[in-house]
Amino acid sequence: MKGQIFIITSVLILLALLLTSITIKTSNIRKDEVFYESFSNLENELIRTVDIALINKESAYFRLNDFIDFSTNFLKKKGYTENVAYSISSIGLNTVVYLNISLSSSNSYLLENLIINRTVYT
């Protein structure tokens, strides 16, 4: 009888450890998904900011600076470090924006280089 109790207790402890391990792994996966989603949102909003500036015939430079200031502060509150470098080239109706975007946290880092090429007809 004592051997059966020992075996049952051992099995229950192993199940508890297994469930704890699964929960910890799931938590880490969710953090990575949130980090990647934040990077993807940043990338999409930078593209959208350039598009809105060009459509409204505003300075893409000022629009990007305002958005980068906002996003840097917002992502800093989440524990992320954002770095966005860009250059803008305009020839006639064609505008090209070169973006270098990076986002990092304590254990993750993403980097993307984008070229946004837009022609706006008046």
PDB file of N, CA and C in Angstrom:
ATOM      1  N   MET A   1       0.818  -1.203   0.000  1.00  0.00           N
ATOM      2  CA  MET A   1       0.000   0.000   0.000  1.00  0.00           C
ATOM      3  C   MET A   1       0.863   1.269   0.000  1.00  0.00           C
ATOM      4  N   LYS A   2       1.983   1.246   0.748  1.00  0.00           N
ATOM      5  CA  LYS A   2       2.857   2.416   0.797  1.00  0.00           C
ATOM      6  C   LYS A   2       3.509   2.651  -0.562  1.00  0.00           C
ATOM      7  N   GLY A   3       3.821   1.621  -1.296  1.00  0.00           N
ATOM      8  CA  GLY A   3       4.428   1.745  -2.610  1.00  0.00           C
ATOM      9  C   GLY A   3       3.481   2.378  -3.616  1.00  0.00           C
ATOM     10  N   GLN A   4       2.186   2.038  -3.511  1.00  0.00           N
ATOM     11  CA  GLN A   4       1.191   2.602  -4.420  1.00  0.00           C
ATOM     12  C   GLN A   4       1.027   4.105  -4.178  1.00  0.00           C
ATOM     13  N   ILE A   5       1.013   4.511  -2.928  1.00  0.00           N
ATOM     14  CA  ILE A   5       0.885   5.939  -2.594  1.00  0.00           C
ATOM     15  C   ILE A   5       2.102   6.698  -3.123  1.00  0.00           C
ATOM     16  N   PHE A   6       3.295   6.115  -2.985  1.00  0.00           N
ATOM     17  CA  PHE A   6       4.512   6.738  -3.474  1.00  0.00           C
ATOM     18  C   PHE A   6       4.461   6.917  -4.996  1.00  0.00           C
ATOM     19  N   ILE A   7       3.998   5.896  -5.715  1.00  0.00           N
ATOM     20  CA  ILE A   7       3.909   5.960  -7.172  1.00  0.00           C
ATOM     21  C   ILE A   7       2.885   7.006  -7.608  1.00  0.00           C
ATOM     22  N   ILE A   8       1.731   7.019  -6.966  1.00  0.00           N
ATOM     23  CA  ILE A   8       0.678   7.988  -7.302  1.00  0.00           C
ATOM     24  C   ILE A   8       1.163   9.414  -7.015  1.00  0.00           C
ATOM     25  N   THR A   9       1.816   9.624  -5.894  1.00  0.00           N
ATOM     26  CA  THR A   9       2.336  10.947  -5.551  1.00  0.00           C
ATOM     27  C   THR A   9       3.394  11.382  -6.558  1.00  0.00           C
ATOM     28  N   SER A  10       4.263  10.476  -6.950  1.00  0.00           N
ATOM     29  CA  SER A  10       5.299  10.793  -7.937  1.00  0.00           C
ATOM     30  C   SER A  10       4.682  11.188  -9.270  1.00  0.00           C
ATOM     31  N   VAL A  11       3.662  10.462  -9.705  1.00  0.00           N
ATOM     32  CA  VAL A  11       2.988  10.777 -10.968  1.00  0.00           C
ATOM     33  C   VAL A  11       2.331  12.152 -10.893  1.00  0.00           C
ATOM     34  N   LEU A  12       1.681  12.471  -9.773  1.00  0.00           N
ATOM     35  CA  LEU A  12       1.033  13.781  -9.622  1.00  0.00           C
ATOM     36  C   LEU A  12       2.057  14.916  -9.628  1.00  0.00           C
ATOM     37  N   ILE A  13       3.189  14.701  -8.981  1.00  0.00           N
ATOM     38  CA  ILE A  13       4.235  15.732  -8.982  1.00  0.00           C
ATOM     39  C   ILE A  13       4.784  15.925 -10.388  1.00  0.00           C
ATOM     40  N   LEU A  14       5.005  14.835 -11.121  1.00  0.00           N
ATOM     41  CA  LEU A  14       5.486  14.950 -12.498  1.00  0.00           C
ATOM     42  C   LEU A  14       4.487  15.676 -13.391  1.00  0.00           C
ATOM     43  N   LEU A  15       3.199  15.396 -13.221  1.00  0.00           N
ATOM     44  CA  LEU A  15       2.171  16.105 -13.995  1.00  0.00           C
ATOM     45  C   LEU A  15       2.167  17.598 -13.676  1.00  0.00           C
ATOM     46  N   ALA A  16       2.316  17.944 -12.403  1.00  0.00           N
ATOM     47  CA  ALA A  16       2.341  19.355 -12.011  1.00  0.00           C
ATOM     48  C   ALA A  16       3.551  20.059 -12.637  1.00  0.00           C
ATOM     49  N   LEU A  17       4.706  19.410 -12.618  1.00  0.00           N
ATOM     50  CA  LEU A  17       5.900  19.997 -13.233  1.00  0.00           C
ATOM     51  C   LEU A  17       5.743  20.136 -14.745  1.00  0.00           C
ATOM     52  N   LEU A  18       5.142  19.156 -15.386  1.00  0.00           N
ATOM     53  CA  LEU A  18       4.906  19.220 -16.823  1.00  0.00           C
ATOM     54  C   LEU A  18       3.975  20.367 -17.179  1.00  0.00           C
ATOM     55  N   LEU A  19       2.885  20.525 -16.436  1.00  0.00           N
ATOM     56  CA  LEU A  19       1.949  21.619 -16.699  1.00  0.00           C
ATOM     57  C   LEU A  19       2.598  22.979 -16.459  1.00  0.00           C
ATOM     58  N   THR A  20       3.433  23.076 -15.444  1.00  0.00           N
ATOM     59  CA  THR A  20       4.144  24.329 -15.183  1.00  0.00           C
ATOM     60  C   THR A  20       5.095  24.654 -16.333  1.00  0.00           C
ATOM     61  N   SER A  21       5.797  23.654 -16.829  1.00  0.00           N
ATOM     62  CA  SER A  21       6.711  23.848 -17.952  1.00  0.00           C
ATOM     63  C   SER A  21       5.967  24.324 -19.198  1.00  0.00           C
ATOM     64  N   ILE A  22       4.830  23.739 -19.488  1.00  0.00           N
ATOM     65  CA  ILE A  22       4.028  24.135 -20.652  1.00  0.00           C
ATOM     66  C   ILE A  22       3.548  25.568 -20.505  1.00  0.00           C
ATOM     67  N   THR A  23       3.120  25.946 -19.324  1.00  0.00           N
ATOM     68  CA  THR A  23       2.638  27.302 -19.083  1.00  0.00           C
ATOM     69  C   THR A  23       3.747  28.331 -19.282  1.00  0.00           C
ATOM     70  N   ILE A  24       4.944  28.043 -18.819  1.00  0.00           N
ATOM     71  CA  ILE A  24       6.073  28.964 -18.966  1.00  0.00           C
ATOM     72  C   ILE A  24       6.446  29.121 -20.435  1.00  0.00           C
ATOM     73  N   LYS A  25       6.482  28.018 -21.173  1.00  0.00           N
ATOM     74  CA  LYS A  25       6.815  28.094 -22.599  1.00  0.00           C
ATOM     75  C   LYS A  25       5.769  28.892 -23.358  1.00  0.00           C
ATOM     76  N   THR A  26       4.499  28.704 -23.049  1.00  0.00           N
ATOM     77  CA  THR A  26       3.417  29.440 -23.705  1.00  0.00           C
ATOM     78  C   THR A  26       3.541  30.933 -23.424  1.00  0.00           C
ATOM     79  N   SER A  27       3.922  31.290 -22.214  1.00  0.00           N
ATOM     80  CA  SER A  27       4.085  32.695 -21.848  1.00  0.00           C
ATOM     81  C   SER A  27       5.195  33.338 -22.676  1.00  0.00           C
ATOM     82  N   ASN A  28       6.312  32.648 -22.872  1.00  0.00           N
ATOM     83  CA  ASN A  28       7.412  33.189 -23.677  1.00  0.00           C
ATOM     84  C   ASN A  28       7.011  33.356 -25.138  1.00  0.00           C
ATOM     85  N   ILE A  29       6.241  32.429 -25.673  1.00  0.00           N
ATOM     86  CA  ILE A  29       5.771  32.527 -27.052  1.00  0.00           C
ATOM     87  C   ILE A  29       4.876  33.747 -27.209  1.00  0.00           C
ATOM     88  N   ARG A  30       4.004  34.003 -26.253  1.00  0.00           N
ATOM     89  CA  ARG A  30       3.109  35.168 -26.323  1.00  0.00           C
ATOM     90  C   ARG A  30       3.901  36.461 -26.304  1.00  0.00           C
ATOM     91  N   LYS A  31       4.967  36.543 -25.491  1.00  0.00           N
ATOM     92  CA  LYS A  31       5.793  37.751 -25.452  1.00  0.00           C
ATOM     93  C   LYS A  31       6.442  37.997 -26.809  1.00  0.00           C
ATOM     94  N   ASP A  32       6.931  36.942 -27.457  1.00  0.00           N
ATOM     95  CA  ASP A  32       7.533  37.084 -28.780  1.00  0.00           C
ATOM     96  C   ASP A  32       6.503  37.522 -29.815  1.00  0.00           C
ATOM     97  N   GLU A  33       5.283  36.987 -29.723  1.00  0.00           N
ATOM     98  CA  GLU A  33       4.224  37.378 -30.653  1.00  0.00           C
ATOM     99  C   GLU A  33       3.872  38.848 -30.478  1.00  0.00           C
ATOM    100  N   VAL A  34       3.794  39.319 -29.246  1.00  0.00           N
ATOM    101  CA  VAL A  34       3.480  40.725 -28.977  1.00  0.00           C
ATOM    102  C   VAL A  34       4.604  41.616 -29.495  1.00  0.00           C
ATOM    103  N   PHE A  35       5.853  41.196 -29.323  1.00  0.00           N
ATOM    104  CA  PHE A  35       6.993  41.969 -29.818  1.00  0.00           C
ATOM    105  C   PHE A  35       6.946  42.078 -31.341  1.00  0.00           C
ATOM    106  N   TYR A  36       6.722  40.953 -32.015  1.00  0.00           N
ATOM    107  CA  TYR A  36       6.660  40.968 -33.474  1.00  0.00           C
ATOM    108  C   TYR A  36       5.472  41.808 -33.956  1.00  0.00           C
ATOM    109  N   GLU A  37       4.344  41.716 -33.264  1.00  0.00           N
ATOM    110  CA  GLU A  37       3.165  42.508 -33.641  1.00  0.00           C
ATOM    111  C   GLU A  37       3.454  43.999 -33.467  1.00  0.00           C
ATOM    112  N   SER A  38       4.156  44.372 -32.414  1.00  0.00           N
ATOM    113  CA  SER A  38       4.513  45.778 -32.204  1.00  0.00           C
ATOM    114  C   SER A  38       5.415  46.277 -33.329  1.00  0.00           C
ATOM    115  N   PHE A  39       6.368  45.455 -33.751  1.00  0.00           N
ATOM    116  CA  PHE A  39       7.259  45.835 -34.855  1.00  0.00           C
ATOM    117  C   PHE A  39       6.483  45.980 -36.155  1.00  0.00           C
ATOM    118  N   SER A  40       5.602  45.041 -36.412  1.00  0.00           N
ATOM    119  CA  SER A  40       4.796  45.085 -37.628  1.00  0.00           C
ATOM    120  C   SER A  40       3.897  46.322 -37.642  1.00  0.00           C
ATOM    121  N   ASN A  41       3.305  46.645 -36.504  1.00  0.00           N
ATOM    122  CA  ASN A  41       2.466  47.844 -36.410  1.00  0.00           C
ATOM    123  C   ASN A  41       3.291  49.108 -36.641  1.00  0.00           C
ATOM    124  N   LEU A  42       4.490  49.156 -36.082  1.00  0.00           N
ATOM    125  CA  LEU A  42       5.365  50.313 -36.275  1.00  0.00           C
ATOM    126  C   LEU A  42       5.699  50.483 -37.754  1.00  0.00           C
ATOM    127  N   GLU A  43       6.056  49.401 -38.395  1.00  0.00           N
ATOM    128  CA  GLU A  43       6.399  49.426 -39.812  1.00  0.00           C
ATOM    129  C   GLU A  43       5.219  49.916 -40.660  1.00  0.00           C
ATOM    130  N   ASN A  44       4.044  49.377 -40.417  1.00  0.00           N
ATOM    131  CA  ASN A  44       2.847  49.768 -41.174  1.00  0.00           C
ATOM    132  C   ASN A  44       2.474  51.222 -40.942  1.00  0.00           C
ATOM    133  N   GLU A  45       2.605  51.689 -39.718  1.00  0.00           N
ATOM    134  CA  GLU A  45       2.247  53.077 -39.420  1.00  0.00           C
ATOM    135  C   GLU A  45       3.241  54.069 -40.020  1.00  0.00           C
ATOM    136  N   LEU A  46       4.500  53.690 -40.113  1.00  0.00           N
ATOM    137  CA  LEU A  46       5.472  54.560 -40.786  1.00  0.00           C
ATOM    138  C   LEU A  46       5.139  54.700 -42.267  1.00  0.00           C
ATOM    139  N   ILE A  47       4.789  53.603 -42.902  1.00  0.00           N
ATOM    140  CA  ILE A  47       4.380  53.650 -44.316  1.00  0.00           C
ATOM    141  C   ILE A  47       3.129  54.504 -44.468  1.00  0.00           C
ATOM    142  N   ARG A  48       2.185  54.299 -43.583  1.00  0.00           N
ATOM    143  CA  ARG A  48       0.924  55.054 -43.630  1.00  0.00           C
ATOM    144  C   ARG A  48       1.178  56.551 -43.407  1.00  0.00           C
ATOM    145  N   THR A  49       2.095  56.880 -42.523  1.00  0.00           N
ATOM    146  CA  THR A  49       2.424  58.283 -42.250  1.00  0.00           C
ATOM    147  C   THR A  49       2.984  58.955 -43.498  1.00  0.00           C
ATOM    148  N   VAL A  50       3.847  58.270 -44.215  1.00  0.00           N
ATOM    149  CA  VAL A  50       4.398  58.817 -45.461  1.00  0.00           C
ATOM    150  C   VAL A  50       3.276  59.007 -46.480  1.00  0.00           C
ATOM    151  N   ASP A  51       2.420  58.007 -46.618  1.00  0.00           N
ATOM    152  CA  ASP A  51       1.317  58.101 -47.579  1.00  0.00           C
ATOM    153  C   ASP A  51       0.380  59.262 -47.269  1.00  0.00           C
ATOM    154  N   ILE A  52       0.029  59.431 -46.017  1.00  0.00           N
ATOM    155  CA  ILE A  52      -0.882  60.515 -45.632  1.00  0.00           C
ATOM    156  C   ILE A  52      -0.237  61.873 -45.903  1.00  0.00           C
ATOM    157  N   ALA A  53       1.043  62.010 -45.591  1.00  0.00           N
ATOM    158  CA  ALA A  53       1.733  63.279 -45.840  1.00  0.00           C
ATOM    159  C   ALA A  53       1.733  63.601 -47.323  1.00  0.00           C
ATOM    160  N   LEU A  54       2.005  62.617 -48.162  1.00  0.00           N
ATOM    161  CA  LEU A  54       2.041  62.871 -49.602  1.00  0.00           C
ATOM    162  C   LEU A  54       0.657  63.179 -50.165  1.00  0.00           C
ATOM    163  N   ILE A  55      -0.345  62.465 -49.703  1.00  0.00           N
ATOM    164  CA  ILE A  55      -1.715  62.707 -50.174  1.00  0.00           C
ATOM    165  C   ILE A  55      -2.176  64.110 -49.791  1.00  0.00           C
ATOM    166  N   ASN A  56      -1.845  64.527 -48.560  1.00  0.00           N
ATOM    167  CA  ASN A  56      -2.266  65.844 -48.077  1.00  0.00           C
ATOM    168  C   ASN A  56      -1.304  66.967 -48.486  1.00  0.00           C
ATOM    169  N   LYS A  57      -0.302  66.628 -49.303  1.00  0.00           N
ATOM    170  CA  LYS A  57       0.698  67.593 -49.776  1.00  0.00           C
ATOM    171  C   LYS A  57       1.401  68.293 -48.609  1.00  0.00           C
ATOM    172  N   GLU A  58       1.715  67.486 -47.585  1.00  0.00           N
ATOM    173  CA  GLU A  58       2.439  67.984 -46.423  1.00  0.00           C
ATOM    174  C   GLU A  58       3.881  67.489 -46.487  1.00  0.00           C
ATOM    175  N   SER A  59       4.675  67.984 -45.595  1.00  0.00           N
ATOM    176  CA  SER A  59       6.070  67.556 -45.523  1.00  0.00           C
ATOM    177  C   SER A  59       6.153  66.175 -44.865  1.00  0.00           C
ATOM    178  N   ALA A  60       6.663  65.208 -45.603  1.00  0.00           N
ATOM    179  CA  ALA A  60       6.844  63.868 -45.042  1.00  0.00           C
ATOM    180  C   ALA A  60       7.868  63.910 -43.911  1.00  0.00           C
ATOM    181  N   TYR A  61       8.824  64.807 -44.028  1.00  0.00           N
ATOM    182  CA  TYR A  61       9.853  64.964 -43.004  1.00  0.00           C
ATOM    183  C   TYR A  61       9.230  65.292 -41.645  1.00  0.00           C
ATOM    184  N   PHE A  62       8.362  66.312 -41.599  1.00  0.00           N
ATOM    185  CA  PHE A  62       7.748  66.719 -40.335  1.00  0.00           C
ATOM    186  C   PHE A  62       6.781  65.650 -39.816  1.00  0.00           C
ATOM    187  N   ARG A  63       6.028  65.059 -40.725  1.00  0.00           N
ATOM    188  CA  ARG A  63       5.098  63.988 -40.324  1.00  0.00           C
ATOM    189  C   ARG A  63       5.849  62.814 -39.704  1.00  0.00           C
ATOM    190  N   LEU A  64       6.927  62.397 -40.350  1.00  0.00           N
ATOM    191  CA  LEU A  64       7.708  61.265 -39.832  1.00  0.00           C
ATOM    192  C   LEU A  64       8.330  61.609 -38.483  1.00  0.00           C
ATOM    193  N   ASN A  65       8.879  62.802 -38.346  1.00  0.00           N
ATOM    194  CA  ASN A  65       9.473  63.189 -37.060  1.00  0.00           C
ATOM    195  C   ASN A  65       8.439  63.160 -35.938  1.00  0.00           C
ATOM    196  N   ASP A  66       7.239  63.692 -36.207  1.00  0.00           N
ATOM    197  CA  ASP A  66       6.182  63.677 -35.190  1.00  0.00           C
ATOM    198  C   ASP A  66       5.796  62.251 -34.816  1.00  0.00           C
ATOM    199  N   PHE A  67       5.637  61.398 -35.820  1.00  0.00           N
ATOM    200  CA  PHE A  67       5.243  60.024 -35.526  1.00  0.00           C
ATOM    201  C   PHE A  67       6.353  59.263 -34.805  1.00  0.00           C
ATOM    202  N   ILE A  68       7.595  59.469 -35.203  1.00  0.00           N
ATOM    203  CA  ILE A  68       8.711  58.776 -34.556  1.00  0.00           C
ATOM    204  C   ILE A  68       8.823  59.193 -33.088  1.00  0.00           C
ATOM    205  N   ASP A  69       8.629  60.476 -32.795  1.00  0.00           N
ATOM    206  CA  ASP A  69       8.637  60.933 -31.397  1.00  0.00           C
ATOM    207  C   ASP A  69       7.542  60.228 -30.602  1.00  0.00           C
ATOM    208  N   PHE A  70       6.340  60.175 -31.187  1.00  0.00           N
ATOM    209  CA  PHE A  70       5.223  59.516 -30.516  1.00  0.00           C
ATOM    210  C   PHE A  70       5.498  58.035 -30.292  1.00  0.00           C
ATOM    211  N   SER A  71       5.909  57.332 -31.349  1.00  0.00           N
ATOM    212  CA  SER A  71       6.097  55.886 -31.250  1.00  0.00           C
ATOM    213  C   SER A  71       7.258  55.527 -30.320  1.00  0.00           C
ATOM    214  N   THR A  72       8.307  56.345 -30.309  1.00  0.00           N
ATOM    215  CA  THR A  72       9.432  56.083 -29.415  1.00  0.00           C
ATOM    216  C   THR A  72       8.983  56.127 -27.961  1.00  0.00           C
ATOM    217  N   ASN A  73       8.212  57.145 -27.612  1.00  0.00           N
ATOM    218  CA  ASN A  73       7.710  57.266 -26.235  1.00  0.00           C
ATOM    219  C   ASN A  73       6.737  56.136 -25.902  1.00  0.00           C
ATOM    220  N   PHE A  74       5.858  55.811 -26.831  1.00  0.00           N
ATOM    221  CA  PHE A  74       4.872  54.761 -26.601  1.00  0.00           C
ATOM    222  C   PHE A  74       5.548  53.406 -26.402  1.00  0.00           C
ATOM    223  N   LEU A  75       6.480  53.070 -27.278  1.00  0.00           N
ATOM    224  CA  LEU A  75       7.148  51.770 -27.185  1.00  0.00           C
ATOM    225  C   LEU A  75       8.114  51.703 -25.996  1.00  0.00           C
ATOM    226  N   LYS A  76       8.643  52.845 -25.591  1.00  0.00           N
ATOM    227  CA  LYS A  76       9.516  52.873 -24.419  1.00  0.00           C
ATOM    228  C   LYS A  76       8.743  52.451 -23.169  1.00  0.00           C
ATOM    229  N   LYS A  77       7.471  52.843 -23.096  1.00  0.00           N
ATOM    230  CA  LYS A  77       6.626  52.450 -21.963  1.00  0.00           C
ATOM    231  C   LYS A  77       6.398  50.935 -21.931  1.00  0.00           C
ATOM    232  N   LYS A  78       6.483  50.294 -23.086  1.00  0.00           N
ATOM    233  CA  LYS A  78       6.342  48.840 -23.170  1.00  0.00           C
ATOM    234  C   LYS A  78       7.661  48.112 -22.916  1.00  0.00           C
ATOM    235  N   GLY A  79       8.743  48.861 -22.788  1.00  0.00           N
ATOM    236  CA  GLY A  79      10.046  48.257 -22.545  1.00  0.00           C
ATOM    237  C   GLY A  79      10.839  47.986 -23.807  1.00  0.00           C
ATOM    238  N   TYR A  80      10.457  48.623 -24.917  1.00  0.00           N
ATOM    239  CA  TYR A  80      11.140  48.429 -26.188  1.00  0.00           C
ATOM    240  C   TYR A  80      11.990  49.654 -26.519  1.00  0.00           C
ATOM    241  N   THR A  81      13.042  49.429 -27.282  1.00  0.00           N
ATOM    242  CA  THR A  81      13.874  50.517 -27.780  1.00  0.00           C
ATOM    243  C   THR A  81      13.725  50.573 -29.293  1.00  0.00           C
ATOM    244  N   GLU A  82      13.271  51.715 -29.778  1.00  0.00           N
ATOM    245  CA  GLU A  82      13.027  51.910 -31.214  1.00  0.00           C
ATOM    246  C   GLU A  82      14.116  52.798 -31.792  1.00  0.00           C
ATOM    247  N   ASN A  83      14.515  52.471 -33.009  1.00  0.00           N
ATOM    248  CA  ASN A  83      15.448  53.332 -33.739  1.00  0.00           C
ATOM    249  C   ASN A  83      14.984  53.389 -35.185  1.00  0.00           C
ATOM    250  N   VAL A  84      14.681  54.591 -35.659  1.00  0.00           N
ATOM    251  CA  VAL A  84      14.237  54.789 -37.043  1.00  0.00           C
ATOM    252  C   VAL A  84      15.119  55.859 -37.674  1.00  0.00           C
ATOM    253  N   ALA A  85      15.775  55.494 -38.765  1.00  0.00           N
ATOM    254  CA  ALA A  85      16.561  56.446 -39.549  1.00  0.00           C
ATOM    255  C   ALA A  85      15.965  56.471 -40.952  1.00  0.00           C
ATOM    256  N   TYR A  86      15.887  57.653 -41.544  1.00  0.00           N
ATOM    257  CA  TYR A  86      15.286  57.750 -42.874  1.00  0.00           C
ATOM    258  C   TYR A  86      15.925  58.868 -43.673  1.00  0.00           C
ATOM    259  N   SER A  87      15.728  58.765 -44.972  1.00  0.00           N
ATOM    260  CA  SER A  87      16.092  59.852 -45.876  1.00  0.00           C
ATOM    261  C   SER A  87      15.006  59.935 -46.939  1.00  0.00           C
ATOM    262  N   ILE A  88      14.781  61.149 -47.412  1.00  0.00           N
ATOM    263  CA  ILE A  88      13.711  61.399 -48.378  1.00  0.00           C
ATOM    264  C   ILE A  88      14.321  62.035 -49.615  1.00  0.00           C
ATOM    265  N   SER A  89      13.913  61.515 -50.761  1.00  0.00           N
ATOM    266  CA  SER A  89      14.376  62.041 -52.041  1.00  0.00           C
ATOM    267  C   SER A  89      13.155  62.312 -52.916  1.00  0.00           C
ATOM    268  N   SER A  90      13.061  63.512 -53.460  1.00  0.00           N
ATOM    269  CA  SER A  90      11.941  63.872 -54.331  1.00  0.00           C
ATOM    270  C   SER A  90      12.459  64.353 -55.671  1.00  0.00           C
ATOM    271  N   ILE A  91      11.897  63.765 -56.726  1.00  0.00           N
ATOM    272  CA  ILE A  91      12.211  64.202 -58.089  1.00  0.00           C
ATOM    273  C   ILE A  91      10.889  64.318 -58.827  1.00  0.00           C
ATOM    274  N   GLY A  92      10.485  65.523 -59.104  1.00  0.00           N
ATOM    275  CA  GLY A  92       9.215  65.745 -59.779  1.00  0.00           C
ATOM    276  C   GLY A  92       8.050  65.246 -58.932  1.00  0.00           C
ATOM    277  N   LEU A  93       7.236  64.371 -59.504  1.00  0.00           N
ATOM    278  CA  LEU A  93       6.090  63.813 -58.793  1.00  0.00           C
ATOM    279  C   LEU A  93       6.460  62.576 -57.977  1.00  0.00           C
ATOM    280  N   ASN A  94       7.674  62.107 -58.114  1.00  0.00           N
ATOM    281  CA  ASN A  94       8.103  60.875 -57.467  1.00  0.00           C
ATOM    282  C   ASN A  94       8.832  61.182 -56.149  1.00  0.00           C
ATOM    283  N   THR A  95       8.413  60.511 -55.074  1.00  0.00           N
ATOM    284  CA  THR A  95       9.056  60.642 -53.770  1.00  0.00           C
ATOM    285  C   THR A  95       9.502  59.260 -53.318  1.00  0.00           C
ATOM    286  N   VAL A  96      10.748  59.180 -52.884  1.00  0.00           N
ATOM    287  CA  VAL A  96      11.298  57.920 -52.380  1.00  0.00           C
ATOM    288  C   VAL A  96      11.757  58.144 -50.944  1.00  0.00           C
ATOM    289  N   VAL A  97      11.288  57.271 -50.046  1.00  0.00           N
ATOM    290  CA  VAL A  97      11.683  57.339 -48.639  1.00  0.00           C
ATOM    291  C   VAL A  97      12.418  56.045 -48.301  1.00  0.00           C
ATOM    292  N   TYR A  98      13.632  56.179 -47.809  1.00  0.00           N
ATOM    293  CA  TYR A  98      14.427  55.037 -47.362  1.00  0.00           C
ATOM    294  C   TYR A  98      14.342  54.974 -45.843  1.00  0.00           C
ATOM    295  N   LEU A  99      13.831  53.878 -45.315  1.00  0.00           N
ATOM    296  CA  LEU A  99      13.649  53.716 -43.873  1.00  0.00           C
ATOM    297  C   LEU A  99      14.490  52.562 -43.353  1.00  0.00           C
ATOM    298  N   ASN A 100      15.164  52.783 -42.247  1.00  0.00           N
ATOM    299  CA  ASN A 100      15.839  51.728 -41.491  1.00  0.00           C
ATOM    300  C   ASN A 100      15.169  51.685 -40.128  1.00  0.00           C
ATOM    301  N   ILE A 101      14.485  50.592 -39.847  1.00  0.00           N
ATOM    302  CA  ILE A 101      13.695  50.464 -38.623  1.00  0.00           C
ATOM    303  C   ILE A 101      14.264  49.329 -37.781  1.00  0.00           C
ATOM    304  N   SER A 102      14.489  49.606 -36.499  1.00  0.00           N
ATOM    305  CA  SER A 102      14.879  48.533 -35.593  1.00  0.00           C
ATOM    306  C   SER A 102      14.100  48.671 -34.293  1.00  0.00           C
ATOM    307  N   LEU A 103      13.807  47.527 -33.714  1.00  0.00           N
ATOM    308  CA  LEU A 103      13.095  47.471 -32.439  1.00  0.00           C
ATOM    309  C   LEU A 103      13.756  46.384 -31.612  1.00  0.00           C
ATOM    310  N   SER A 104      14.031  46.702 -30.358  1.00  0.00           N
ATOM    311  CA  SER A 104      14.677  45.715 -29.499  1.00  0.00           C
ATOM    312  C   SER A 104      14.058  45.729 -28.118  1.00  0.00           C
ATOM    313  N   SER A 105      14.152  44.582 -27.471  1.00  0.00           N
ATOM    314  CA  SER A 105      13.754  44.444 -26.079  1.00  0.00           C
ATOM    315  C   SER A 105      14.871  43.690 -25.386  1.00  0.00           C
ATOM    316  N   SER A 106      14.626  43.236 -24.184  1.00  0.00           N
ATOM    317  CA  SER A 106      15.678  42.575 -23.425  1.00  0.00           C
ATOM    318  C   SER A 106      16.193  41.302 -24.100  1.00  0.00           C
ATOM    319  N   ASN A 107      15.321  40.601 -24.845  1.00  0.00           N
ATOM    320  CA  ASN A 107      15.763  39.337 -25.451  1.00  0.00           C
ATOM    321  C   ASN A 107      15.383  39.203 -26.928  1.00  0.00           C
ATOM    322  N   SER A 108      14.935  40.286 -27.567  1.00  0.00           N
ATOM    323  CA  SER A 108      14.527  40.206 -28.977  1.00  0.00           C
ATOM    324  C   SER A 108      15.032  41.426 -29.733  1.00  0.00           C
ATOM    325  N   TYR A 109      15.257  41.228 -31.037  1.00  0.00           N
ATOM    326  CA  TYR A 109      15.720  42.323 -31.885  1.00  0.00           C
ATOM    327  C   TYR A 109      15.220  42.077 -33.307  1.00  0.00           C
ATOM    328  N   LEU A 110      14.637  43.111 -33.908  1.00  0.00           N
ATOM    329  CA  LEU A 110      14.190  43.043 -35.296  1.00  0.00           C
ATOM    330  C   LEU A 110      14.702  44.267 -36.037  1.00  0.00           C
ATOM    331  N   LEU A 111      15.077  44.065 -37.302  1.00  0.00           N
ATOM    332  CA  LEU A 111      15.584  45.145 -38.144  1.00  0.00           C
ATOM    333  C   LEU A 111      14.975  44.995 -39.527  1.00  0.00           C
ATOM    334  N   GLU A 112      14.553  46.108 -40.105  1.00  0.00           N
ATOM    335  CA  GLU A 112      13.964  46.095 -41.452  1.00  0.00           C
ATOM    336  C   GLU A 112      14.434  47.337 -42.192  1.00  0.00           C
ATOM    337  N   ASN A 113      14.774  47.165 -43.449  1.00  0.00           N
ATOM    338  CA  ASN A 113      15.109  48.280 -44.339  1.00  0.00           C
ATOM    339  C   ASN A 113      14.020  48.358 -45.401  1.00  0.00           C
ATOM    340  N   LEU A 114      13.381  49.508 -45.508  1.00  0.00           N
ATOM    341  CA  LEU A 114      12.277  49.689 -46.452  1.00  0.00           C
ATOM    342  C   LEU A 114      12.582  50.800 -47.434  1.00  0.00           C
ATOM    343  N   ILE A 115      12.051  50.642 -48.629  1.00  0.00           N
ATOM    344  CA  ILE A 115      12.065  51.713 -49.615  1.00  0.00           C
ATOM    345  C   ILE A 115      10.611  51.960 -50.007  1.00  0.00           C
ATOM    346  N   ILE A 116      10.142  53.162 -49.736  1.00  0.00           N
ATOM    347  CA  ILE A 116       8.781  53.549 -50.100  1.00  0.00           C
ATOM    348  C   ILE A 116       8.893  54.462 -51.307  1.00  0.00           C
ATOM    349  N   ASN A 117       8.343  54.032 -52.409  1.00  0.00           N
ATOM    350  CA  ASN A 117       8.409  54.783 -53.668  1.00  0.00           C
ATOM    351  C   ASN A 117       6.990  55.156 -54.063  1.00  0.00           C
ATOM    352  N   ARG A 118       6.689  56.455 -54.047  1.00  0.00           N
ATOM    353  CA  ARG A 118       5.336  56.913 -54.351  1.00  0.00           C
ATOM    354  C   ARG A 118       5.375  57.988 -55.418  1.00  0.00           C
ATOM    355  N   THR A 119       4.391  57.938 -56.309  1.00  0.00           N
ATOM    356  CA  THR A 119       4.191  58.985 -57.297  1.00  0.00           C
ATOM    357  C   THR A 119       2.810  59.570 -57.029  1.00  0.00           C
ATOM    358  N   VAL A 120       2.771  60.879 -56.778  1.00  0.00           N
ATOM    359  CA  VAL A 120       1.497  61.539 -56.467  1.00  0.00           C
ATOM    360  C   VAL A 120       1.186  62.520 -57.586  1.00  0.00           C
ATOM    361  N   TYR A 121       0.046  62.280 -58.227  1.00  0.00           N
ATOM    362  CA  TYR A 121      -0.404  63.158 -59.301  1.00  0.00           C
ATOM    363  C   TYR A 121      -1.353  64.177 -58.749  1.00  0.00           C
ATOM    364  N   THR A 122      -1.231  65.408 -59.216  1.00  0.00           N
ATOM    365  CA  THR A 122      -2.103  66.478 -58.708  1.00  0.00           C
ATOM    366  C   THR A 122      -3.263  66.698 -59.640  1.00  0.00           C
TER     367      THR A 122
END
